[in-house]
C-alpha atoms as a PDB file:
ATOM      1  CA  MET A   1     127.909  92.246  74.194  1.00  0.00           C
ATOM      2  CA  LYS A   2     127.289  91.910  77.948  1.00  0.00           C
ATOM      3  CA  LYS A   3     127.076  88.484  79.593  1.00  0.00           C
ATOM      4  CA  LEU A   4     124.494  87.163  82.060  1.00  0.00           C
ATOM      5  CA  LEU A   5     125.070  83.869  83.881  1.00  0.00           C
ATOM      6  CA  LEU A   6     121.974  81.885  84.869  1.00  0.00           C
ATOM      7  CA  HIS A   7     122.753  79.663  87.883  1.00  0.00           C
ATOM      8  CA  PHE A   8     121.095  76.376  88.842  1.00  0.00           C
ATOM      9  CA  VAL A   9     122.334  73.354  90.756  1.00  0.00           C
ATOM     10  CA  ARG A  10     121.538  71.241  87.718  1.00  0.00           C
ATOM     11  CA  PHE A  11     119.962  71.970  84.348  1.00  0.00           C
ATOM     12  CA  GLY A  12     116.964  69.784  83.647  1.00  0.00           C
ATOM     13  CA  PRO A  13     114.459  70.166  80.805  1.00  0.00           C
ATOM     14  CA  TYR A  14     112.520  73.064  82.314  1.00  0.00           C
ATOM     15  CA  HIS A  15     115.750  74.858  83.240  1.00  0.00           C
ATOM     16  CA  LEU A  16     116.762  74.634  79.596  1.00  0.00           C
ATOM     17  CA  ALA A  17     113.425  76.245  78.695  1.00  0.00           C
ATOM     18  CA  ARG A  18     114.201  79.080  81.123  1.00  0.00           C
ATOM     19  CA  LEU A  19     117.670  79.499  79.670  1.00  0.00           C
ATOM     20  CA  ARG A  20     116.365  79.605  76.113  1.00  0.00           C
ATOM     21  CA  SER A  21     113.605  82.043  77.055  1.00  0.00           C
ATOM     22  CA  ALA A  22     116.121  84.369  78.709  1.00  0.00           C
ATOM     23  CA  GLN A  23     118.400  84.107  75.692  1.00  0.00           C
ATOM     24  CA  ARG A  24     115.611  85.026  73.281  1.00  0.00           C
ATOM     25  CA  ALA A  25     114.418  87.935  75.417  1.00  0.00           C
ATOM     26  CA  LEU A  26     117.806  89.465  76.180  1.00  0.00           C
ATOM     27  CA  LYS A  27     119.759  88.998  72.963  1.00  0.00           C
ATOM     28  CA  PRO A  28     118.007  91.922  71.216  1.00  0.00           C
ATOM     29  CA  LEU A  29     119.003  94.031  74.233  1.00  0.00           C
ATOM     30  CA  GLY A  30     122.671  93.226  73.763  1.00  0.00           C
ATOM     31  CA  TRP A  31     123.057  90.449  76.330  1.00  0.00           C
ATOM     32  CA  GLN A  32     124.559  86.978  75.941  1.00  0.00           C
ATOM     33  CA  VAL A  33     122.960  84.459  78.335  1.00  0.00           C
ATOM     34  CA  LYS A  34     124.909  81.441  79.537  1.00  0.00           C
ATOM     35  CA  GLY A  35     124.079  78.707  82.039  1.00  0.00           C
ATOM     36  CA  LEU A  36     126.125  78.049  85.185  1.00  0.00           C
ATOM     37  CA  GLU A  37     125.464  74.532  86.476  1.00  0.00           C
ATOM     38  CA  ILE A  38     127.056  73.166  89.642  1.00  0.00           C
ATOM     39  CA  CYS A  39     126.862  69.385  89.061  1.00  0.00           C
ATOM     40  CA  SER A  40     125.716  66.860  86.514  1.00  0.00           C
ATOM     41  CA  SER A  41     123.790  64.696  89.020  1.00  0.00           C
ATOM     42  CA  ASP A  42     121.988  64.944  92.356  1.00  0.00           C
ATOM     43  CA  SER A  43     119.708  62.916  94.622  1.00  0.00           C
ATOM     44  CA  THR A  44     116.520  64.815  93.805  1.00  0.00           C
ATOM     45  CA  TYR A  45     115.903  64.394  90.080  1.00  0.00           C
ATOM     46  CA  LEU A  46     116.101  61.381  87.753  1.00  0.00           C
ATOM     47  CA  TRP A  47     117.045  63.243  84.580  1.00  0.00           C
ATOM     48  CA  ASN A  48     119.063  61.080  82.254  1.00  0.00           C
ATOM     49  CA  GLU A  49     122.786  61.951  82.237  1.00  0.00           C
ATOM     50  CA  SER A  50     123.813  60.145  79.042  1.00  0.00           C
ATOM     51  CA  GLY A  51     124.988  62.264  76.149  1.00  0.00           C
ATOM     52  CA  ARG A  52     125.425  65.387  78.254  1.00  0.00           C
ATOM     53  CA  LEU A  53     127.019  68.400  76.634  1.00  0.00           C
ATOM     54  CA  VAL A  54     128.881  70.134  79.450  1.00  0.00           C
ATOM     55  CA  THR A  55     131.398  72.156  77.471  1.00  0.00           C
ATOM     56  CA  SER A  56     131.120  75.596  75.954  1.00  0.00           C
ATOM     57  CA  ALA A  57     130.094  73.941  72.675  1.00  0.00           C
ATOM     58  CA  GLY A  58     126.545  74.420  73.882  1.00  0.00           C
ATOM     59  CA  VAL A  59     123.205  72.697  73.581  1.00  0.00           C
ATOM     60  CA  GLY A  60     120.717  73.244  70.802  1.00  0.00           C
ATOM     61  CA  ASP A  61     119.975  72.980  67.139  1.00  0.00           C
ATOM     62  CA  GLN A  62     123.313  72.411  65.443  1.00  0.00           C
ATOM     63  CA  ASP A  63     122.034  74.216  62.339  1.00  0.00           C
ATOM     64  CA  ASP A  64     120.874  77.326  64.195  1.00  0.00           C
ATOM     65  CA  GLU A  65     123.622  79.176  66.043  1.00  0.00           C
ATOM     66  CA  SER A  66     121.107  81.649  67.483  1.00  0.00           C
ATOM     67  CA  GLU A  67     119.377  78.809  69.357  1.00  0.00           C
ATOM     68  CA  ARG A  68     122.467  77.217  70.855  1.00  0.00           C
ATOM     69  CA  LEU A  69     122.533  77.148  74.658  1.00  0.00           C
ATOM     70  CA  SER A  70     125.891  77.435  76.347  1.00  0.00           C
ATOM     71  CA  ILE A  71     126.285  75.864  79.789  1.00  0.00           C
ATOM     72  CA  THR A  72     129.336  75.693  82.050  1.00  0.00           C
ATOM     73  CA  THR A  73     129.329  72.847  84.588  1.00  0.00           C
ATOM     74  CA  VAL A  74     131.490  73.521  87.640  1.00  0.00           C
ATOM     75  CA  PHE A  75     131.803  69.823  88.565  1.00  0.00           C
ATOM     76  CA  PRO A  76     131.305  67.698  85.400  1.00  0.00           C
ATOM     77  CA  GLY A  77     130.427  64.179  86.518  1.00  0.00           C
ATOM     78  CA  GLY A  78     130.082  65.349  90.120  1.00  0.00           C
ATOM     79  CA  HIS A  79     127.229  64.494  92.495  1.00  0.00           C
ATOM     80  CA  TYR A  80     125.761  67.478  94.320  1.00  0.00           C
ATOM     81  CA  GLU A  81     125.318  65.907  97.737  1.00  0.00           C
ATOM     82  CA  SER A  82     128.912  64.643  97.809  1.00  0.00           C
ATOM     83  CA  LEU A  83     130.558  68.054  97.366  1.00  0.00           C
ATOM     84  CA  GLY A  84     132.599  69.568 100.163  1.00  0.00           C
ATOM     85  CA  SER A  85     131.887  73.155 101.199  1.00  0.00           C
ATOM     86  CA  SER A  86     135.379  74.571 100.731  1.00  0.00           C
ATOM     87  CA  GLN A  87     135.850  72.788  97.394  1.00  0.00           C
ATOM     88  CA  SER A  88     132.501  74.109  96.160  1.00  0.00           C
ATOM     89  CA  ARG A  89     133.251  77.697  97.095  1.00  0.00           C
ATOM     90  CA  GLU A  90     136.672  77.629  95.434  1.00  0.00           C
ATOM     91  CA  GLU A  91     135.474  76.079  92.167  1.00  0.00           C
ATOM     92  CA  ILE A  92     132.476  78.384  91.926  1.00  0.00           C
ATOM     93  CA  GLN A  93     134.822  81.354  92.359  1.00  0.00           C
ATOM     94  CA  HIS A  94     137.056  79.996  89.601  1.00  0.00           C
ATOM     95  CA  ALA A  95     134.086  79.511  87.278  1.00  0.00           C
ATOM     96  CA  LEU A  96     132.913  83.074  87.848  1.00  0.00           C
ATOM     97  CA  ASP A  97     136.405  84.408  87.266  1.00  0.00           C
ATOM     98  CA  ARG A  98     136.725  82.457  84.000  1.00  0.00           C
ATOM     99  CA  ASP A  99     133.364  83.566  82.616  1.00  0.00           C
ATOM    100  CA  ALA A 100     133.680  87.123  83.964  1.00  0.00           C
ATOM    101  CA  PRO A 101     129.940  87.871  83.666  1.00  0.00           C
ATOM    102  CA  ASP A 102     128.466  91.349  83.844  1.00  0.00           C
ATOM    103  CA  ALA A 103     125.612  90.019  86.010  1.00  0.00           C
ATOM    104  CA  VAL A 104     124.519  86.727  87.574  1.00  0.00           C
ATOM    105  CA  ALA A 105     120.996  85.392  88.183  1.00  0.00           C
ATOM    106  CA  ILE A 106     121.187  83.102  91.227  1.00  0.00           C
ATOM    107  CA  ALA A 107     118.663  80.390  92.100  1.00  0.00           C
ATOM    108  CA  GLY A 108     117.803  80.879  95.762  1.00  0.00           C
ATOM    109  CA  TRP A 109     119.773  82.189  98.690  1.00  0.00           C
ATOM    110  CA  ALA A 110     120.124  79.364 101.223  1.00  0.00           C
ATOM    111  CA  SER A 111     122.182  76.695  99.438  1.00  0.00           C
ATOM    112  CA  LEU A 112     125.959  76.550  99.572  1.00  0.00           C
ATOM    113  CA  ASP A 113     126.298  77.153  95.837  1.00  0.00           C
ATOM    114  CA  ALA A 114     123.890  80.119  95.877  1.00  0.00           C
ATOM    115  CA  ARG A 115     125.878  81.739  98.685  1.00  0.00           C
ATOM    116  CA  GLY A 116     129.094  80.966  96.800  1.00  0.00           C
ATOM    117  CA  CYS A 117     127.776  82.702  93.681  1.00  0.00           C
ATOM    118  CA  LEU A 118     126.642  85.705  95.709  1.00  0.00           C
ATOM    119  CA  LYS A 119     129.995  85.991  97.479  1.00  0.00           C
ATOM    120  CA  GLY A 120     131.897  85.867  94.186  1.00  0.00           C
ATOM    121  CA  CYS A 121     129.692  88.558  92.695  1.00  0.00           C
ATOM    122  CA  LEU A 122     130.020  90.839  95.714  1.00  0.00           C
ATOM    123  CA  ARG A 123     133.800  90.506  95.579  1.00  0.00           C
ATOM    124  CA  HIS A 124     133.876  91.840  92.009  1.00  0.00           C
ATOM    125  CA  LYS A 125     130.862  94.142  92.413  1.00  0.00           C
ATOM    126  CA  ARG A 126     128.824  92.249  89.815  1.00  0.00           C
ATOM    127  CA  PRO A 127     125.055  92.868  89.861  1.00  0.00           C
ATOM    128  CA  THR A 128     123.011  89.917  91.149  1.00  0.00           C
ATOM    129  CA  ILE A 129     119.441  88.801  90.513  1.00  0.00           C
ATOM    130  CA  LEU A 130     117.754  86.586  93.095  1.00  0.00           C
ATOM    131  CA  MET A 131     115.513  83.938  91.474  1.00  0.00           C
ATOM    132  CA  SER A 132     112.958  82.767  94.024  1.00  0.00           C
ATOM    133  CA  GLU A 133     109.719  80.802  94.180  1.00  0.00           C
ATOM    134  CA  THR A 134     109.545  80.523  97.987  1.00  0.00           C
ATOM    135  CA  ARG A 135     106.356  81.447  99.844  1.00  0.00           C
ATOM    136  CA  ARG A 136     105.878  82.280 103.492  1.00  0.00           C
ATOM    137  CA  VAL A 137     103.509  79.298 103.927  1.00  0.00           C
ATOM    138  CA  ASP A 138     106.094  76.822 102.627  1.00  0.00           C
ATOM    139  CA  GLY A 139     107.460  76.153 106.118  1.00  0.00           C
ATOM    140  CA  ASN A 140     107.473  77.107 109.782  1.00  0.00           C
ATOM    141  CA  ARG A 141     109.024  80.568 110.074  1.00  0.00           C
ATOM    142  CA  VAL A 142     111.193  81.470 113.084  1.00  0.00           C
ATOM    143  CA  TRP A 143     111.796  85.164 113.700  1.00  0.00           C
ATOM    144  CA  TRP A 144     115.565  85.039 114.046  1.00  0.00           C
ATOM    145  CA  LYS A 145     115.951  82.934 110.900  1.00  0.00           C
ATOM    146  CA  GLU A 146     113.717  85.346 109.013  1.00  0.00           C
ATOM    147  CA  SER A 147     115.900  88.205 110.237  1.00  0.00           C
ATOM    148  CA  LEU A 148     119.028  86.493 108.903  1.00  0.00           C
ATOM    149  CA  LYS A 149     117.300  85.841 105.574  1.00  0.00           C
ATOM    150  CA  GLY A 150     116.336  89.488 105.332  1.00  0.00           C
ATOM    151  CA  ARG A 151     119.923  90.602 105.857  1.00  0.00           C
ATOM    152  CA  LEU A 152     121.140  88.107 103.249  1.00  0.00           C
ATOM    153  CA  ILE A 153     118.672  88.857 100.453  1.00  0.00           C
ATOM    154  CA  LYS A 154     119.277  92.595 100.738  1.00  0.00           C
ATOM    155  CA  LYS A 155     122.713  91.904  99.233  1.00  0.00           C
ATOM    156  CA  TYR A 156     120.989  91.106  95.911  1.00  0.00           C
ATOM    157  CA  ASP A 157     120.337  93.936  93.480  1.00  0.00           C
ATOM    158  CA  ALA A 158     117.053  92.628  92.029  1.00  0.00           C
ATOM    159  CA  ALA A 159     114.724  89.649  92.222  1.00  0.00           C
ATOM    160  CA  LEU A 160     112.822  87.513  89.717  1.00  0.00           C
ATOM    161  CA  VAL A 161     109.833  85.544  91.011  1.00  0.00           C
ATOM    162  CA  GLY A 162     107.231  83.144  89.671  1.00  0.00           C
ATOM    163  CA  ALA A 163     104.097  84.441  91.401  1.00  0.00           C
ATOM    164  CA  LYS A 164     102.698  87.190  93.623  1.00  0.00           C
ATOM    165  CA  SER A 165     103.048  84.993  96.730  1.00  0.00           C
ATOM    166  CA  HIS A 166     106.785  84.746  96.089  1.00  0.00           C
ATOM    167  CA  ALA A 167     107.076  88.515  95.714  1.00  0.00           C
ATOM    168  CA  ASP A 168     105.026  89.047  98.883  1.00  0.00           C
ATOM    169  CA  TYR A 169     107.392  86.871 100.898  1.00  0.00           C
ATOM    170  CA  LEU A 170     110.473  88.739  99.674  1.00  0.00           C
ATOM    171  CA  GLN A 171     108.825  92.031 100.595  1.00  0.00           C
ATOM    172  CA  GLN A 172     108.020  90.677 104.055  1.00  0.00           C
ATOM    173  CA  LEU A 173     111.723  89.910 104.419  1.00  0.00           C
ATOM    174  CA  GLY A 174     112.523  93.506 103.548  1.00  0.00           C
ATOM    175  CA  PHE A 175     113.296  93.309  99.832  1.00  0.00           C
ATOM    176  CA  PRO A 176     112.132  96.446  97.979  1.00  0.00           C
ATOM    177  CA  ALA A 177     109.016  95.905  95.870  1.00  0.00           C
ATOM    178  CA  GLU A 178     110.295  98.076  93.024  1.00  0.00           C
ATOM    179  CA  SER A 179     113.246  95.695  92.535  1.00  0.00           C
ATOM    180  CA  ILE A 180     111.065  92.586  92.084  1.00  0.00           C
ATOM    181  CA  SER A 181     109.878  91.352  88.680  1.00  0.00           C
ATOM    182  CA  ASP A 182     107.844  88.301  87.668  1.00  0.00           C
ATOM    183  CA  GLY A 183     108.446  85.834  84.827  1.00  0.00           C
ATOM    184  CA  TYR A 184     110.673  83.290  86.556  1.00  0.00           C
ATOM    185  CA  ASN A 185     108.544  80.256  85.679  1.00  0.00           C
ATOM    186  CA  VAL A 186     108.278  79.622  81.953  1.00  0.00           C
ATOM    187  CA  VAL A 187     106.814  76.805  79.868  1.00  0.00           C
ATOM    188  CA  ASP A 188     107.960  75.861  76.373  1.00  0.00           C
ATOM    189  CA  ASP A 189     104.502  76.341  74.864  1.00  0.00           C
ATOM    190  CA  GLU A 190     105.785  75.850  71.324  1.00  0.00           C
ATOM    191  CA  PHE A 191     107.174  72.408  72.130  1.00  0.00           C
ATOM    192  CA  PHE A 192     104.141  71.136  74.042  1.00  0.00           C
ATOM    193  CA  ALA A 193     101.651  72.427  71.469  1.00  0.00           C
ATOM    194  CA  THR A 194     103.548  70.753  68.639  1.00  0.00           C
ATOM    195  CA  ARG A 195     104.173  67.440  70.398  1.00  0.00           C
ATOM    196  CA  SER A 196     100.643  67.114  71.772  1.00  0.00           C
ATOM    197  CA  SER A 197      99.221  67.615  68.278  1.00  0.00           C
ATOM    198  CA  GLU A 198     101.570  64.980  66.866  1.00  0.00           C
ATOM    199  CA  ILE A 199     100.651  62.466  69.564  1.00  0.00           C
ATOM    200  CA  ARG A 200      96.919  63.035  69.091  1.00  0.00           C
ATOM    201  CA  ARG A 201      97.291  62.346  65.367  1.00  0.00           C
ATOM    202  CA  GLN A 202      99.279  59.170  66.029  1.00  0.00           C
ATOM    203  CA  HIS A 203      96.971  57.848  68.753  1.00  0.00           C
ATOM    204  CA  VAL A 204      93.607  59.209  67.711  1.00  0.00           C
ATOM    205  CA  ALA A 205      91.772  56.183  69.117  1.00  0.00           C
ATOM    206  CA  LYS A 206      93.467  56.621  72.494  1.00  0.00           C
ATOM    207  CA  CYS A 207      92.577  60.246  73.092  1.00  0.00           C
ATOM    208  CA  GLN A 208      90.516  59.826  76.251  1.00  0.00           C
ATOM    209  CA  GLY A 209      90.498  62.938  78.373  1.00  0.00           C
ATOM    210  CA  PHE A 210      92.861  62.919  81.329  1.00  0.00           C
ATOM    211  CA  PHE A 211      94.373  65.346  83.809  1.00  0.00           C
ATOM    212  CA  LEU A 212      98.167  65.272  83.907  1.00  0.00           C
ATOM    213  CA  CYS A 213     100.350  66.010  86.942  1.00  0.00           C
ATOM    214  CA  SER A 214     104.124  65.784  86.534  1.00  0.00           C
ATOM    215  CA  ASN A 215     105.810  65.790  89.943  1.00  0.00           C
ATOM    216  CA  ARG A 216     108.189  64.157  92.328  1.00  0.00           C
ATOM    217  CA  PHE A 217     106.161  61.944  94.648  1.00  0.00           C
ATOM    218  CA  VAL A 218     106.979  63.797  97.872  1.00  0.00           C
ATOM    219  CA  GLU A 219     104.796  65.385 100.582  1.00  0.00           C
ATOM    220  CA  ILE A 220     105.234  68.993  99.483  1.00  0.00           C
ATOM    221  CA  LYS A 221     103.579  68.291  96.109  1.00  0.00           C
ATOM    222  CA  ASN A 222     100.187  67.439  97.731  1.00  0.00           C
ATOM    223  CA  LEU A 223      99.435  64.661  95.264  1.00  0.00           C
ATOM    224  CA  ASP A 224      97.177  62.948  97.787  1.00  0.00           C
ATOM    225  CA  ARG A 225      94.949  66.024  97.617  1.00  0.00           C
ATOM    226  CA  ALA A 226      94.939  65.800  93.824  1.00  0.00           C
ATOM    227  CA  ILE A 227      93.737  62.182  93.996  1.00  0.00           C
ATOM    228  CA  ARG A 228      91.029  63.041  96.539  1.00  0.00           C
ATOM    229  CA  ALA A 229      89.836  65.957  94.403  1.00  0.00           C
ATOM    230  CA  PHE A 230      89.718  63.716  91.347  1.00  0.00           C
ATOM    231  CA  ALA A 231      87.770  61.056  93.264  1.00  0.00           C
ATOM    232  CA  GLY A 232      85.182  63.697  94.198  1.00  0.00           C
ATOM    233  CA  LEU A 233      84.697  64.840  90.609  1.00  0.00           C
ATOM    234  CA  ASP A 234      81.131  64.402  89.378  1.00  0.00           C
ATOM    235  CA  GLN A 235      81.378  62.595  86.050  1.00  0.00           C
ATOM    236  CA  SER A 236      77.776  61.416  85.839  1.00  0.00           C
ATOM    237  CA  ASN A 237      77.068  63.580  82.793  1.00  0.00           C
ATOM    238  CA  THR A 238      80.243  62.772  80.893  1.00  0.00           C
ATOM    239  CA  GLU A 239      79.018  61.543  77.485  1.00  0.00           C
ATOM    240  CA  GLU A 240      82.359  60.502  75.986  1.00  0.00           C
ATOM    241  CA  GLY A 241      83.481  58.336  78.872  1.00  0.00           C
ATOM    242  CA  PRO A 242      85.148  59.275  82.138  1.00  0.00           C
ATOM    243  CA  TRP A 243      88.149  61.515  82.491  1.00  0.00           C
ATOM    244  CA  HIS A 244      91.215  60.045  84.149  1.00  0.00           C
ATOM    245  CA  LEU A 245      94.148  61.247  86.217  1.00  0.00           C
ATOM    246  CA  CYS A 246      97.747  60.581  85.161  1.00  0.00           C
ATOM    247  CA  LEU A 247     100.435  61.123  87.802  1.00  0.00           C
ATOM    248  CA  LEU A 248     103.709  61.258  85.914  1.00  0.00           C
ATOM    249  CA  GLY A 249     106.745  60.809  88.132  1.00  0.00           C
ATOM    250  CA  ASP A 250     108.184  58.710  90.921  1.00  0.00           C
ATOM    251  CA  GLY A 251     109.344  58.984  94.500  1.00  0.00           C
ATOM    252  CA  PRO A 252     108.984  57.631  98.028  1.00  0.00           C
ATOM    253  CA  LEU A 253     105.189  58.083  98.114  1.00  0.00           C
ATOM    254  CA  MET A 254     104.458  55.878  95.104  1.00  0.00           C
ATOM    255  CA  ASN A 255     102.988  52.998  97.168  1.00  0.00           C
ATOM    256  CA  ASP A 256     100.992  55.364  99.397  1.00  0.00           C
ATOM    257  CA  LEU A 257      99.425  57.100  96.411  1.00  0.00           C
ATOM    258  CA  THR A 258      98.467  53.905  94.606  1.00  0.00           C
ATOM    259  CA  SER A 259      96.923  52.583  97.835  1.00  0.00           C
ATOM    260  CA  LEU A 260      94.978  55.814  98.324  1.00  0.00           C
ATOM    261  CA  ALA A 261      93.528  55.583  94.810  1.00  0.00           C
ATOM    262  CA  ALA A 262      92.293  52.061  95.534  1.00  0.00           C
ATOM    263  CA  GLU A 263      90.841  53.104  98.914  1.00  0.00           C
ATOM    264  CA  LEU A 264      88.828  55.823  97.182  1.00  0.00           C
ATOM    265  CA  GLY A 265      87.329  53.322  94.738  1.00  0.00           C
ATOM    266  CA  LEU A 266      89.403  54.358  91.751  1.00  0.00           C
ATOM    267  CA  ASP A 267      91.166  52.037  89.371  1.00  0.00           C
ATOM    268  CA  ALA A 268      94.958  52.337  89.563  1.00  0.00           C
ATOM    269  CA  LYS A 269      97.198  51.250  86.689  1.00  0.00           C
ATOM    270  CA  GLN A 270     100.992  51.193  86.399  1.00  0.00           C
ATOM    271  CA  CYS A 271     101.031  52.529  82.843  1.00  0.00           C
ATOM    272  CA  ALA A 272     100.166  55.593  80.778  1.00  0.00           C
ATOM    273  CA  PRO A 273      96.722  56.260  79.254  1.00  0.00           C
ATOM    274  CA  TRP A 274      98.279  57.008  75.860  1.00  0.00           C
ATOM    275  CA  GLU A 275     100.110  53.677  75.451  1.00  0.00           C
ATOM    276  CA  ASP A 276      98.890  51.623  72.481  1.00  0.00           C
ATOM    277  CA  ASP A 277      98.554  48.334  74.369  1.00  0.00           C
ATOM    278  CA  VAL A 278      96.543  49.804  77.263  1.00  0.00           C
ATOM    279  CA  PRO A 279      92.801  49.021  77.039  1.00  0.00           C
ATOM    280  CA  VAL A 280      90.433  51.975  77.102  1.00  0.00           C
ATOM    281  CA  SER A 281      89.220  52.359  80.683  1.00  0.00           C
ATOM    282  CA  THR A 282      85.492  52.772  81.296  1.00  0.00           C
ATOM    283  CA  ARG A 283      85.931  53.733  84.971  1.00  0.00           C
ATOM    284  CA  PRO A 284      87.756  56.746  86.461  1.00  0.00           C
ATOM    285  CA  THR A 285      91.364  55.633  86.657  1.00  0.00           C
ATOM    286  CA  VAL A 286      94.587  56.941  88.166  1.00  0.00           C
ATOM    287  CA  TYR A 287      97.545  56.110  85.922  1.00  0.00           C
ATOM    288  CA  PHE A 288     101.082  55.801  87.297  1.00  0.00           C
ATOM    289  CA  PRO A 289     103.481  55.599  84.317  1.00  0.00           C
ATOM    290  CA  GLY A 290     106.562  56.371  86.427  1.00  0.00           C
ATOM    291  CA  PHE A 291     109.238  58.907  85.563  1.00  0.00           C
ATOM    292  CA  ALA A 292     109.537  60.036  81.933  1.00  0.00           C
ATOM    293  CA  GLN A 293     112.244  62.204  80.432  1.00  0.00           C
ATOM    294  CA  LEU A 294     111.034  65.143  78.375  1.00  0.00           C
ATOM    295  CA  ARG A 295     111.908  64.426  74.753  1.00  0.00           C
ATOM    296  CA  CYS A 296     112.652  67.658  72.916  1.00  0.00           C
ATOM    297  CA  ALA A 297     115.575  68.670  70.725  1.00  0.00           C
ATOM    298  CA  PHE A 298     117.460  70.457  73.476  1.00  0.00           C
ATOM    299  CA  CYS A 299     116.928  67.647  75.994  1.00  0.00           C
ATOM    300  CA  ILE A 300     117.858  64.874  73.582  1.00  0.00           C
ATOM    301  CA  GLN A 301     121.153  66.546  72.790  1.00  0.00           C
ATOM    302  CA  ARG A 302     121.906  67.174  76.439  1.00  0.00           C
ATOM    303  CA  PHE A 303     120.545  64.057  78.100  1.00  0.00           C
ATOM    304  CA  GLY A 304     120.765  61.506  75.326  1.00  0.00           C
ATOM    305  CA  SER A 305     117.695  60.088  73.589  1.00  0.00           C
ATOM    306  CA  PRO A 306     115.482  58.577  76.306  1.00  0.00           C
ATOM    307  CA  GLY A 307     111.827  57.756  75.961  1.00  0.00           C
ATOM    308  CA  GLY A 308     109.263  60.106  77.356  1.00  0.00           C
ATOM    309  CA  VAL A 309     106.703  62.727  76.513  1.00  0.00           C
END
């Protein structure tokens, strides 16, 4: 059986969903899929680290071997931003040599670890898949930097993207269209359908309609635009009470977003609309529950048993 390594800086809940999806899709084709994680913590995400499974024992249903997810962590207990460049390159090379994959799917092209993975694959002539969700409009583009990017990404054998805009940008950089496929972004529909049904049954009296955004509270997520759009929503004909907006997450813009909601005449509450002790709101409200860890079987086994959705 051939082996594919799926690289990310750090495996959070939605990365586990991607890993499981790849495993389910490729196993019938004769491929074993394994995760390659660089560190167990970083400065970007608040995922709980307790109870992590970072050995080859894997993550998943202990009674179902076919669902077990195997992840190798290059720096167990390490913090991403504290890694040195030479140390990172060496350990990534060692990890690739130990796993000896037949192909590697690499998240991005600009980071030190992505370049380290690419270099290790080129050295042993292993096929590489670029995983990208970067668009041209995501930043100011300078011609000479774009030229360097184009030379770099042409070293990849194929690309996997999340949307047409991502594919368009790779093509603008010179990547061949016939080597680009979509399907990078996946959602664990089975989990969310099951859990949402369970929660509705448990909290039937609390099932007011609300829009849910789960994000880091940073500029690039445009959450201020989401609040403004919600404030402009015409709810005059809503018979079952107003819909609400729940912004799940945390970050440096928390105070700015709560202030904006108040400025626009919306109620703002530091809680979740589904909590039992929260009164039913009769006015359009923006809820700020804070960060919540996804609570599914794979995440509980990897990250401990935190509260969350």
